[in-house]
């Protein structure tokens, strides 16, 4: 007969087997659940990392574009400044040479031709404007070319030449050296190679 102790031992053995089987089942389920949760966490982390990476990439791209744009604008500003300095230097020298020309013997002939062109370009009585220091010469030339016209000094003419209005001030012609110099500035800007695309 099986004694009480053996019965208990068998009973304990059956319970242990069932418990072990249950533990193995729980371990498998736990491992499966852990694997599933790890996969979900990994997917979530990858998603968040992709979002952060995407955000940082876009932020850096925008920052780089802003920096490049700022550098480009600064370069364009410097180019404009340098171009303007060159242009001003060229035209300052040209103006100095024109001032020297107005002190030469050839200037009287030039002034005469300017006034002659103005008289030919504007019909009738004219009001001619010249530098204050040219007024006597201009009056002499006008008396030969258009005796009914008058001559006045103009503070706007600093270098030389002449300009004129017709009697009713509807036509204005400009043969001043300032005007010629300004026209040459436009030609210079177009043909000098100092212009650039922005």
N, C-alpha and C. Protein backbone atom coordinates (compact mmCIF):
# COMPACT_ATOMS: atom_id res chain seq x y z
N UNK A 1 0.83 -1.16 0.00
CA UNK A 1 0.00 0.00 0.00
C UNK A 1 0.88 1.24 0.00
N UNK A 2 0.37 2.16 -0.72
CA UNK A 2 1.16 3.37 -0.85
C UNK A 2 0.90 4.18 0.41
N UNK A 3 1.99 4.52 0.94
CA UNK A 3 1.82 5.27 2.18
C UNK A 3 1.56 6.74 1.89
N UNK A 4 1.21 7.36 2.89
CA UNK A 4 0.81 8.77 2.83
C UNK A 4 1.95 9.62 2.28
N UNK A 5 3.10 9.31 2.67
CA UNK A 5 4.26 10.07 2.23
C UNK A 5 4.44 9.94 0.74
N UNK A 6 4.30 8.78 0.19
CA UNK A 6 4.44 8.56 -1.25
C UNK A 6 3.36 9.29 -2.01
N UNK A 7 2.17 9.26 -1.45
CA UNK A 7 1.07 9.96 -2.09
C UNK A 7 1.38 11.46 -2.19
N UNK A 8 1.85 11.96 -1.12
CA UNK A 8 2.17 13.39 -1.10
C UNK A 8 3.29 13.70 -2.09
N UNK A 9 4.22 12.80 -2.12
CA UNK A 9 5.34 13.02 -3.03
C UNK A 9 4.87 12.97 -4.47
N UNK A 10 4.00 12.04 -4.79
CA UNK A 10 3.47 11.97 -6.15
C UNK A 10 2.61 13.19 -6.47
N UNK A 11 1.84 13.52 -5.50
CA UNK A 11 0.97 14.71 -5.68
C UNK A 11 1.84 15.95 -5.93
N UNK A 12 2.90 16.10 -5.16
CA UNK A 12 3.81 17.23 -5.30
C UNK A 12 4.49 17.16 -6.66
N UNK A 13 4.81 15.94 -7.08
CA UNK A 13 5.46 15.77 -8.38
C UNK A 13 4.53 16.18 -9.51
N UNK A 14 3.29 15.79 -9.44
CA UNK A 14 2.29 16.16 -10.47
C UNK A 14 2.11 17.68 -10.46
N UNK A 15 2.01 18.24 -9.27
CA UNK A 15 1.82 19.71 -9.17
C UNK A 15 3.05 20.41 -9.73
N UNK A 16 4.23 19.89 -9.41
CA UNK A 16 5.47 20.50 -9.92
C UNK A 16 5.53 20.42 -11.44
N UNK A 17 5.12 19.27 -12.01
CA UNK A 17 5.12 19.13 -13.47
C UNK A 17 4.16 20.14 -14.09
N UNK A 18 2.97 20.21 -13.50
CA UNK A 18 1.99 21.16 -14.03
C UNK A 18 2.51 22.60 -13.87
N UNK A 19 3.14 22.89 -12.73
CA UNK A 19 3.67 24.21 -12.47
C UNK A 19 4.79 24.52 -13.46
N UNK A 20 5.66 23.51 -13.69
CA UNK A 20 6.75 23.71 -14.64
C UNK A 20 6.21 23.95 -16.05
N UNK A 21 5.21 23.18 -16.42
CA UNK A 21 4.60 23.34 -17.75
C UNK A 21 3.98 24.73 -17.85
N UNK A 22 3.31 25.12 -16.77
CA UNK A 22 2.68 26.45 -16.74
C UNK A 22 3.74 27.54 -16.81
N UNK A 23 4.87 27.33 -16.10
CA UNK A 23 5.97 28.32 -16.13
C UNK A 23 6.55 28.43 -17.53
N UNK A 24 6.74 27.26 -18.19
CA UNK A 24 7.26 27.28 -19.55
C UNK A 24 6.31 28.02 -20.49
N UNK A 25 5.02 27.76 -20.32
CA UNK A 25 4.00 28.43 -21.13
C UNK A 25 4.05 29.94 -20.88
N UNK A 26 4.14 30.33 -19.60
CA UNK A 26 4.20 31.76 -19.23
C UNK A 26 5.49 32.37 -19.79
N UNK A 27 6.63 31.60 -19.70
CA UNK A 27 7.89 32.10 -20.24
C UNK A 27 7.79 32.34 -21.75
N UNK A 28 7.15 31.38 -22.46
CA UNK A 28 6.98 31.55 -23.91
C UNK A 28 6.12 32.78 -24.22
N UNK A 29 5.02 32.92 -23.48
CA UNK A 29 4.13 34.08 -23.69
C UNK A 29 4.86 35.38 -23.35
N UNK A 30 5.64 35.35 -22.26
CA UNK A 30 6.39 36.53 -21.86
C UNK A 30 7.42 36.90 -22.93
N UNK A 31 8.13 35.89 -23.42
CA UNK A 31 9.14 36.13 -24.46
C UNK A 31 8.47 36.68 -25.72
N UNK A 32 7.31 36.09 -26.08
CA UNK A 32 6.58 36.56 -27.26
C UNK A 32 6.10 37.99 -27.06
N UNK A 33 5.55 38.28 -25.87
CA UNK A 33 5.07 39.63 -25.55
C UNK A 33 6.24 40.62 -25.52
N UNK A 34 7.37 40.19 -24.90
CA UNK A 34 8.54 41.06 -24.84
C UNK A 34 9.04 41.37 -26.25
N UNK A 35 9.07 40.34 -27.12
CA UNK A 35 9.51 40.51 -28.50
C UNK A 35 8.59 41.49 -29.24
N UNK A 36 7.28 41.34 -29.04
CA UNK A 36 6.29 42.22 -29.69
C UNK A 36 6.46 43.65 -29.18
N UNK A 37 6.61 43.80 -27.84
CA UNK A 37 6.77 45.14 -27.27
C UNK A 37 8.08 45.79 -27.73
N UNK A 38 9.15 45.00 -27.78
CA UNK A 38 10.42 45.53 -28.27
C UNK A 38 10.31 45.99 -29.72
N UNK A 39 9.60 45.21 -30.54
CA UNK A 39 9.39 45.59 -31.94
C UNK A 39 8.59 46.89 -32.03
N UNK A 40 7.54 47.00 -31.20
CA UNK A 40 6.73 48.23 -31.19
C UNK A 40 7.56 49.42 -30.72
N UNK A 41 8.35 49.23 -29.66
CA UNK A 41 9.19 50.31 -29.14
C UNK A 41 10.23 50.71 -30.19
N UNK A 42 10.82 49.68 -30.84
CA UNK A 42 11.82 49.95 -31.88
C UNK A 42 11.19 50.74 -33.03
N UNK A 43 9.99 50.34 -33.45
CA UNK A 43 9.29 51.05 -34.52
C UNK A 43 8.98 52.48 -34.09
N UNK A 44 8.53 52.65 -32.85
CA UNK A 44 8.23 53.99 -32.33
C UNK A 44 9.50 54.85 -32.27
N UNK A 45 10.60 54.25 -31.77
CA UNK A 45 11.86 54.99 -31.68
C UNK A 45 12.36 55.36 -33.07
N UNK A 46 12.28 54.42 -34.01
CA UNK A 46 12.71 54.70 -35.39
C UNK A 46 11.85 55.81 -35.97
N UNK A 47 10.53 55.76 -35.72
CA UNK A 47 9.63 56.81 -36.21
C UNK A 47 9.99 58.18 -35.63
N UNK A 48 10.20 58.22 -34.32
CA UNK A 48 10.58 59.48 -33.66
C UNK A 48 11.94 59.96 -34.16
N UNK A 49 12.87 59.02 -34.31
CA UNK A 49 14.20 59.38 -34.81
C UNK A 49 14.11 59.92 -36.23
N UNK A 50 13.29 59.27 -37.06
CA UNK A 50 13.10 59.76 -38.43
C UNK A 50 12.51 61.16 -38.43
N UNK A 51 11.52 61.38 -37.54
CA UNK A 51 10.91 62.72 -37.45
C UNK A 51 11.95 63.76 -37.02
N UNK A 52 12.72 63.41 -35.97
CA UNK A 52 13.75 64.34 -35.48
C UNK A 52 14.81 64.57 -36.55
N UNK A 53 15.22 63.50 -37.21
CA UNK A 53 16.23 63.60 -38.27
C UNK A 53 15.70 64.47 -39.41
N UNK A 54 14.46 64.23 -39.78
CA UNK A 54 13.81 65.01 -40.84
C UNK A 54 13.73 66.48 -40.44
N UNK A 55 13.31 66.72 -39.20
CA UNK A 55 13.19 68.09 -38.69
C UNK A 55 14.55 68.78 -38.69
N UNK A 56 15.57 68.08 -38.15
CA UNK A 56 16.92 68.66 -38.08
C UNK A 56 17.49 68.90 -39.46
N UNK A 57 17.25 67.96 -40.38
CA UNK A 57 17.73 68.12 -41.75
C UNK A 57 17.10 69.36 -42.38
N UNK A 58 15.79 69.49 -42.23
CA UNK A 58 15.09 70.66 -42.79
C UNK A 58 15.56 71.95 -42.11
N UNK A 59 15.74 71.90 -40.80
CA UNK A 59 16.20 73.08 -40.07
C UNK A 59 17.60 73.50 -40.55
N UNK A 60 18.49 72.51 -40.69
CA UNK A 60 19.84 72.80 -41.16
C UNK A 60 19.83 73.30 -42.61
N UNK A 61 18.97 72.71 -43.44
CA UNK A 61 18.85 73.15 -44.83
C UNK A 61 18.39 74.61 -44.88
N UNK A 62 17.37 74.94 -44.07
CA UNK A 62 16.88 76.32 -44.03
C UNK A 62 17.94 77.27 -43.50
N UNK A 63 18.62 76.86 -42.45
CA UNK A 63 19.68 77.70 -41.88
C UNK A 63 20.80 77.91 -42.91
N UNK A 64 21.19 76.84 -43.59
CA UNK A 64 22.24 76.94 -44.62
C UNK A 64 21.79 77.85 -45.75
N UNK A 65 20.54 77.69 -46.18
CA UNK A 65 20.01 78.55 -47.26
C UNK A 65 20.00 80.02 -46.83
N UNK A 66 19.62 80.28 -45.57
CA UNK A 66 19.64 81.66 -45.07
C UNK A 66 21.06 82.21 -45.05
N UNK A 67 21.99 81.38 -44.59
CA UNK A 67 23.39 81.82 -44.54
C UNK A 67 23.95 82.07 -45.94
N UNK A 68 23.63 81.16 -46.87
CA UNK A 68 24.07 81.34 -48.26
C UNK A 68 23.46 82.60 -48.84
N UNK A 69 22.17 82.81 -48.59
CA UNK A 69 21.49 84.01 -49.09
C UNK A 69 22.12 85.27 -48.51
N UNK A 70 22.42 85.25 -47.22
CA UNK A 70 23.04 86.41 -46.58
C UNK A 70 24.44 86.67 -47.16
N UNK A 71 25.20 85.59 -47.37
CA UNK A 71 26.53 85.74 -47.97
C UNK A 71 26.43 86.27 -49.39
N UNK A 72 25.44 85.77 -50.13
CA UNK A 72 25.24 86.23 -51.51
C UNK A 72 24.87 87.71 -51.53
N UNK A 73 23.97 88.11 -50.64
CA UNK A 73 23.57 89.52 -50.57
C UNK A 73 24.76 90.40 -50.18
N UNK A 74 25.57 89.91 -49.24
CA UNK A 74 26.76 90.66 -48.83
C UNK A 74 27.74 90.78 -49.99
N UNK A 75 27.91 89.70 -50.75
CA UNK A 75 28.80 89.73 -51.92
C UNK A 75 28.29 90.72 -52.96
N UNK A 76 26.98 90.69 -53.21
CA UNK A 76 26.39 91.62 -54.18
C UNK A 76 26.56 93.05 -53.69
N UNK A 77 26.35 93.28 -52.40
CA UNK A 77 26.53 94.63 -51.86
C UNK A 77 27.97 95.09 -52.04
N UNK A 78 28.93 94.20 -51.75
CA UNK A 78 30.34 94.55 -51.92
C UNK A 78 30.67 94.81 -53.39
N UNK A 79 30.10 93.99 -54.28
CA UNK A 79 30.33 94.20 -55.72
C UNK A 79 29.77 95.55 -56.16
N UNK A 80 28.55 95.86 -55.68
CA UNK A 80 27.95 97.17 -56.01
C UNK A 80 28.85 98.31 -55.51
N UNK A 81 29.30 98.18 -54.28
CA UNK A 81 30.15 99.21 -53.69
C UNK A 81 31.44 99.37 -54.50
N UNK A 82 32.07 98.24 -54.82
CA UNK A 82 33.32 98.28 -55.57
C UNK A 82 33.09 98.86 -56.97
N UNK A 83 32.01 98.42 -57.62
CA UNK A 83 31.68 98.94 -58.95
C UNK A 83 31.44 100.44 -58.88
N UNK A 84 30.70 100.88 -57.87
CA UNK A 84 30.43 102.31 -57.71
C UNK A 84 31.71 103.09 -57.46
N UNK A 85 32.62 102.53 -56.66
CA UNK A 85 33.90 103.19 -56.40
C UNK A 85 34.71 103.34 -57.69
N UNK A 86 34.75 102.27 -58.49
CA UNK A 86 35.47 102.32 -59.76
C UNK A 86 34.84 103.36 -60.68
N UNK A 87 33.51 103.32 -60.79
CA UNK A 87 32.79 104.25 -61.66
C UNK A 87 33.04 105.69 -61.22
N UNK A 88 32.92 105.94 -59.91
CA UNK A 88 33.14 107.30 -59.41
C UNK A 88 34.56 107.75 -59.67
N UNK A 89 35.52 106.86 -59.51
CA UNK A 89 36.92 107.20 -59.75
C UNK A 89 37.13 107.57 -61.22
N UNK A 90 36.57 106.76 -62.12
CA UNK A 90 36.71 107.02 -63.56
C UNK A 90 36.08 108.36 -63.91
N UNK A 91 34.87 108.61 -63.39
CA UNK A 91 34.17 109.84 -63.78
C UNK A 91 34.70 111.08 -63.06
N UNK A 92 35.29 110.88 -61.92
CA UNK A 92 35.95 112.01 -61.25
C UNK A 92 37.15 112.46 -62.09
N UNK A 93 37.93 111.47 -62.58
CA UNK A 93 39.07 111.78 -63.43
C UNK A 93 38.61 112.42 -64.73
N UNK A 94 37.52 111.89 -65.30
CA UNK A 94 36.98 112.46 -66.55
C UNK A 94 36.54 113.90 -66.31
N UNK A 95 35.88 114.14 -65.19
CA UNK A 95 35.44 115.51 -64.87
C UNK A 95 36.63 116.44 -64.69
N UNK A 96 37.67 115.96 -64.03
CA UNK A 96 38.89 116.77 -63.86
C UNK A 96 39.50 117.13 -65.21
N UNK A 97 39.49 116.16 -66.12
CA UNK A 97 40.04 116.43 -67.46
C UNK A 97 39.17 117.42 -68.22
N UNK A 98 37.84 117.31 -68.03
CA UNK A 98 36.94 118.27 -68.68
C UNK A 98 37.16 119.68 -68.13
N UNK A 99 37.36 119.78 -66.83
CA UNK A 99 37.63 121.09 -66.21
C UNK A 99 38.93 121.66 -66.79
N UNK A 100 39.95 120.81 -66.95
CA UNK A 100 41.19 121.26 -67.57
C UNK A 100 40.93 121.73 -69.00
N UNK A 101 40.09 120.98 -69.72
CA UNK A 101 39.75 121.34 -71.10
C UNK A 101 39.11 122.72 -71.16
N UNK A 102 38.23 123.04 -70.19
CA UNK A 102 37.56 124.34 -70.23
C UNK A 102 38.53 125.49 -70.01
N UNK A 103 39.74 125.19 -69.52
CA UNK A 103 40.76 126.22 -69.32
C UNK A 103 41.68 126.36 -70.53
N UNK A 104 41.49 125.48 -71.53
CA UNK A 104 42.37 125.49 -72.70
C UNK A 104 41.81 126.41 -73.80
N UNK A 105 42.62 126.63 -74.82
CA UNK A 105 42.23 127.47 -75.96
C UNK A 105 41.10 126.81 -76.75
N UNK A 106 41.06 125.50 -76.78
CA UNK A 106 40.06 124.77 -77.57
C UNK A 106 38.64 124.91 -77.01
N UNK A 107 38.54 125.30 -75.74
CA UNK A 107 37.21 125.39 -75.13
C UNK A 107 36.35 126.46 -75.79
N UNK A 108 36.93 127.60 -76.21
CA UNK A 108 36.14 128.65 -76.87
C UNK A 108 35.48 128.10 -78.13
N UNK A 109 36.23 127.33 -78.91
CA UNK A 109 35.68 126.73 -80.13
C UNK A 109 34.56 125.76 -79.76
N UNK A 110 34.79 124.96 -78.70
CA UNK A 110 33.78 124.00 -78.26
C UNK A 110 32.50 124.73 -77.82
N UNK A 111 32.66 125.80 -77.04
CA UNK A 111 31.50 126.56 -76.57
C UNK A 111 30.74 127.16 -77.75
N UNK A 112 31.48 127.68 -78.72
CA UNK A 112 30.85 128.24 -79.91
C UNK A 112 30.01 127.16 -80.62
N UNK A 113 30.58 125.96 -80.79
CA UNK A 113 29.87 124.86 -81.46
C UNK A 113 28.63 124.43 -80.66
N UNK A 114 28.75 124.41 -79.34
CA UNK A 114 27.59 124.07 -78.48
C UNK A 114 26.45 125.05 -78.71
N UNK A 115 26.79 126.32 -78.68
CA UNK A 115 25.76 127.36 -78.85
C UNK A 115 25.18 127.28 -80.26
N UNK A 116 26.03 127.05 -81.26
CA UNK A 116 25.57 126.93 -82.65
C UNK A 116 24.58 125.76 -82.77
N UNK A 117 24.89 124.62 -82.15
CA UNK A 117 23.98 123.47 -82.18
C UNK A 117 22.66 123.80 -81.49
N UNK A 118 22.72 124.50 -80.38
CA UNK A 118 21.48 124.85 -79.66
C UNK A 118 20.62 125.79 -80.50
N UNK A 119 21.25 126.78 -81.13
CA UNK A 119 20.51 127.72 -81.99
C UNK A 119 19.87 126.95 -83.14
N UNK A 120 20.58 125.96 -83.70
CA UNK A 120 20.03 125.16 -84.79
C UNK A 120 18.95 124.20 -84.34
N UNK A 121 19.02 123.75 -83.10
CA UNK A 121 18.06 122.75 -82.59
C UNK A 121 16.77 123.38 -82.10
N UNK A 122 16.84 124.62 -81.62
CA UNK A 122 15.66 125.27 -81.05
C UNK A 122 15.36 126.51 -81.88
N UNK A 123 14.17 126.54 -82.50
CA UNK A 123 13.80 127.66 -83.38
C UNK A 123 13.44 128.90 -82.57
N UNK A 124 13.70 130.06 -83.19
CA UNK A 124 13.27 131.33 -82.62
C UNK A 124 14.20 131.84 -81.54
N UNK A 125 13.66 132.73 -80.76
CA UNK A 125 14.41 133.36 -79.68
C UNK A 125 14.68 132.33 -78.58
N UNK A 126 15.93 132.35 -78.11
CA UNK A 126 16.35 131.39 -77.07
C UNK A 126 16.79 132.13 -75.82
N UNK A 127 16.72 131.39 -74.72
CA UNK A 127 17.40 131.81 -73.50
C UNK A 127 18.47 130.76 -73.28
N UNK A 128 19.72 131.19 -73.44
CA UNK A 128 20.86 130.28 -73.27
C UNK A 128 21.41 130.41 -71.87
N UNK A 129 21.85 129.29 -71.33
CA UNK A 129 22.43 129.26 -69.98
C UNK A 129 23.86 128.74 -70.07
N UNK A 130 24.77 129.45 -69.43
CA UNK A 130 26.18 129.06 -69.39
C UNK A 130 26.72 129.31 -67.99
N UNK A 131 27.97 128.89 -67.76
CA UNK A 131 28.62 129.22 -66.49
C UNK A 131 28.80 130.74 -66.41
N UNK A 132 28.86 131.27 -65.24
CA UNK A 132 29.05 132.71 -65.05
C UNK A 132 30.33 133.19 -65.73
N UNK A 133 31.38 132.39 -65.66
CA UNK A 133 32.66 132.80 -66.26
C UNK A 133 32.63 132.74 -67.80
N UNK A 134 31.63 132.09 -68.39
CA UNK A 134 31.52 131.99 -69.85
C UNK A 134 30.55 133.00 -70.45
N UNK A 135 29.94 133.83 -69.62
CA UNK A 135 28.84 134.69 -70.09
C UNK A 135 29.29 135.66 -71.18
N UNK A 136 30.44 136.28 -71.05
CA UNK A 136 30.89 137.27 -72.05
C UNK A 136 31.14 136.60 -73.40
N UNK A 137 31.85 135.46 -73.38
CA UNK A 137 32.11 134.74 -74.63
C UNK A 137 30.79 134.31 -75.26
N UNK A 138 29.87 133.77 -74.43
CA UNK A 138 28.58 133.28 -74.94
C UNK A 138 27.78 134.42 -75.56
N UNK A 139 27.79 135.61 -74.95
CA UNK A 139 27.07 136.76 -75.52
C UNK A 139 27.64 137.13 -76.89
N UNK A 140 28.95 137.06 -77.00
CA UNK A 140 29.62 137.35 -78.28
C UNK A 140 29.17 136.35 -79.34
N UNK A 141 29.15 135.05 -78.98
CA UNK A 141 28.77 134.01 -79.94
C UNK A 141 27.29 134.13 -80.31
N UNK A 142 26.44 134.43 -79.32
CA UNK A 142 25.00 134.56 -79.57
C UNK A 142 24.73 135.76 -80.47
N UNK A 143 25.46 136.83 -80.28
CA UNK A 143 25.24 138.01 -81.13
C UNK A 143 25.51 137.68 -82.60
N UNK A 144 26.40 136.72 -82.87
CA UNK A 144 26.70 136.31 -84.24
C UNK A 144 25.67 135.30 -84.76
N UNK A 145 25.19 134.43 -83.88
CA UNK A 145 24.35 133.30 -84.32
C UNK A 145 22.85 133.56 -84.19
N UNK A 146 22.43 134.26 -83.16
CA UNK A 146 21.01 134.49 -82.91
C UNK A 146 20.86 135.76 -82.08
N UNK A 147 20.96 136.93 -82.74
CA UNK A 147 20.99 138.20 -82.01
C UNK A 147 19.78 138.45 -81.11
N UNK A 148 18.63 137.86 -81.42
CA UNK A 148 17.44 138.10 -80.59
C UNK A 148 17.46 137.28 -79.29
N UNK A 149 18.35 136.30 -79.21
CA UNK A 149 18.43 135.43 -78.02
C UNK A 149 19.19 136.12 -76.90
N UNK A 150 18.96 135.63 -75.69
CA UNK A 150 19.66 136.20 -74.53
C UNK A 150 20.47 135.12 -73.82
N UNK A 151 21.42 135.56 -73.03
CA UNK A 151 22.32 134.65 -72.32
C UNK A 151 22.22 134.94 -70.82
N UNK A 152 22.13 133.84 -70.04
CA UNK A 152 22.08 133.99 -68.58
C UNK A 152 23.06 133.00 -67.95
N UNK A 153 23.53 133.37 -66.78
CA UNK A 153 24.41 132.47 -66.02
C UNK A 153 23.55 131.45 -65.27
N UNK A 154 24.07 130.24 -65.19
CA UNK A 154 23.36 129.17 -64.47
C UNK A 154 24.31 128.52 -63.47
N UNK A 155 23.85 128.42 -62.24
CA UNK A 155 24.64 127.75 -61.19
C UNK A 155 24.66 126.24 -61.40
N UNK A 156 23.72 125.74 -62.20
CA UNK A 156 23.65 124.29 -62.44
C UNK A 156 24.74 123.81 -63.39
N UNK A 157 25.34 124.73 -64.14
CA UNK A 157 26.41 124.35 -65.05
C UNK A 157 27.74 124.61 -64.32
N UNK A 158 28.37 123.53 -63.89
CA UNK A 158 29.61 123.66 -63.14
C UNK A 158 30.84 123.47 -64.02
N UNK A 159 30.75 122.57 -65.02
CA UNK A 159 31.92 122.25 -65.83
C UNK A 159 32.00 123.17 -67.05
N UNK A 160 30.97 123.15 -67.86
CA UNK A 160 30.99 123.99 -69.06
C UNK A 160 29.93 123.59 -70.06
N UNK A 161 29.96 124.26 -71.23
CA UNK A 161 28.96 124.01 -72.25
C UNK A 161 27.79 124.95 -72.05
N UNK A 162 26.67 124.63 -72.69
CA UNK A 162 25.49 125.50 -72.63
C UNK A 162 24.23 124.67 -72.76
N UNK A 163 23.12 125.25 -72.32
CA UNK A 163 21.80 124.66 -72.52
C UNK A 163 20.85 125.82 -72.83
N UNK A 164 19.66 125.49 -73.37
CA UNK A 164 18.76 126.56 -73.80
C UNK A 164 17.30 126.15 -73.73
N UNK A 165 16.45 127.17 -73.51
CA UNK A 165 14.99 127.06 -73.61
C UNK A 165 14.56 127.91 -74.79
N UNK A 166 13.46 127.48 -75.46
CA UNK A 166 12.88 128.37 -76.46
C UNK A 166 12.08 129.44 -75.72
N UNK A 167 11.50 130.38 -76.47
CA UNK A 167 10.84 131.55 -75.87
C UNK A 167 9.71 131.16 -74.92
N UNK A 168 8.89 130.18 -75.27
CA UNK A 168 7.76 129.81 -74.39
C UNK A 168 8.11 128.64 -73.46
N UNK A 169 9.38 128.30 -73.39
CA UNK A 169 9.90 127.27 -72.49
C UNK A 169 9.25 125.91 -72.66
N UNK A 170 8.95 125.58 -73.92
CA UNK A 170 8.38 124.25 -74.20
C UNK A 170 9.46 123.28 -74.71
N UNK A 171 10.57 123.83 -75.17
CA UNK A 171 11.65 122.99 -75.67
C UNK A 171 12.92 123.33 -74.87
N UNK A 172 13.56 122.27 -74.40
CA UNK A 172 14.82 122.44 -73.67
C UNK A 172 15.87 121.57 -74.34
N UNK A 173 17.01 122.16 -74.64
CA UNK A 173 18.13 121.40 -75.22
C UNK A 173 19.34 121.58 -74.32
N UNK A 174 20.08 120.51 -74.14
CA UNK A 174 21.19 120.53 -73.19
C UNK A 174 22.48 120.09 -73.87
N UNK A 175 23.42 121.00 -73.99
CA UNK A 175 24.75 120.71 -74.54
C UNK A 175 25.82 120.96 -73.49
N UNK A 176 25.49 120.75 -72.24
CA UNK A 176 26.48 120.98 -71.19
C UNK A 176 27.43 119.79 -71.11
N UNK A 177 28.60 120.04 -70.61
CA UNK A 177 29.56 118.94 -70.39
C UNK A 177 29.05 117.99 -69.31
N UNK A 178 28.28 118.52 -68.36
CA UNK A 178 27.68 117.66 -67.34
C UNK A 178 26.75 116.63 -67.96
N UNK A 179 25.92 117.10 -68.90
CA UNK A 179 24.96 116.20 -69.56
C UNK A 179 25.71 115.16 -70.40
N UNK A 180 26.74 115.60 -71.12
CA UNK A 180 27.54 114.66 -71.91
C UNK A 180 28.21 113.62 -71.01
N UNK A 181 28.71 114.07 -69.88
CA UNK A 181 29.36 113.17 -68.94
C UNK A 181 28.36 112.16 -68.38
N UNK A 182 27.15 112.63 -68.09
CA UNK A 182 26.11 111.74 -67.56
C UNK A 182 25.70 110.70 -68.60
N UNK A 183 25.60 111.10 -69.86
CA UNK A 183 25.28 110.14 -70.93
C UNK A 183 26.39 109.09 -71.05
N UNK A 184 27.62 109.54 -70.91
CA UNK A 184 28.75 108.61 -70.98
C UNK A 184 28.75 107.64 -69.79
N UNK A 185 28.23 108.09 -68.67
CA UNK A 185 28.12 107.21 -67.50
C UNK A 185 27.21 106.01 -67.83
N UNK A 186 26.10 106.29 -68.50
CA UNK A 186 25.17 105.21 -68.89
C UNK A 186 25.86 104.25 -69.87
N UNK A 187 26.59 104.81 -70.84
CA UNK A 187 27.31 103.97 -71.81
C UNK A 187 28.37 103.15 -71.08
N UNK A 188 29.08 103.80 -70.17
CA UNK A 188 30.13 103.13 -69.39
C UNK A 188 29.55 101.95 -68.61
N UNK A 189 28.42 102.16 -67.95
CA UNK A 189 27.81 101.09 -67.14
C UNK A 189 27.39 99.92 -68.03
N UNK A 190 26.95 100.22 -69.25
CA UNK A 190 26.50 99.17 -70.16
C UNK A 190 27.68 98.41 -70.76
N UNK A 191 28.71 99.15 -71.15
CA UNK A 191 29.79 98.54 -71.93
C UNK A 191 31.07 98.23 -71.16
N UNK A 192 31.16 98.60 -69.91
CA UNK A 192 32.42 98.45 -69.16
C UNK A 192 32.66 97.03 -68.67
N UNK A 193 31.64 96.21 -68.67
CA UNK A 193 31.80 94.88 -68.10
C UNK A 193 31.67 94.87 -66.59
N UNK A 194 31.26 96.01 -66.01
CA UNK A 194 31.11 96.10 -64.55
C UNK A 194 29.70 95.79 -64.09
N UNK A 195 28.81 95.49 -65.04
CA UNK A 195 27.46 95.11 -64.62
C UNK A 195 27.44 93.60 -64.38
N UNK A 196 26.54 93.14 -63.55
CA UNK A 196 26.45 91.73 -63.21
C UNK A 196 25.03 91.37 -62.88
N UNK A 197 24.72 90.09 -63.09
CA UNK A 197 23.37 89.61 -62.75
C UNK A 197 23.28 89.40 -61.26
N UNK A 198 22.13 89.75 -60.71
CA UNK A 198 21.93 89.59 -59.27
C UNK A 198 21.21 88.31 -58.95
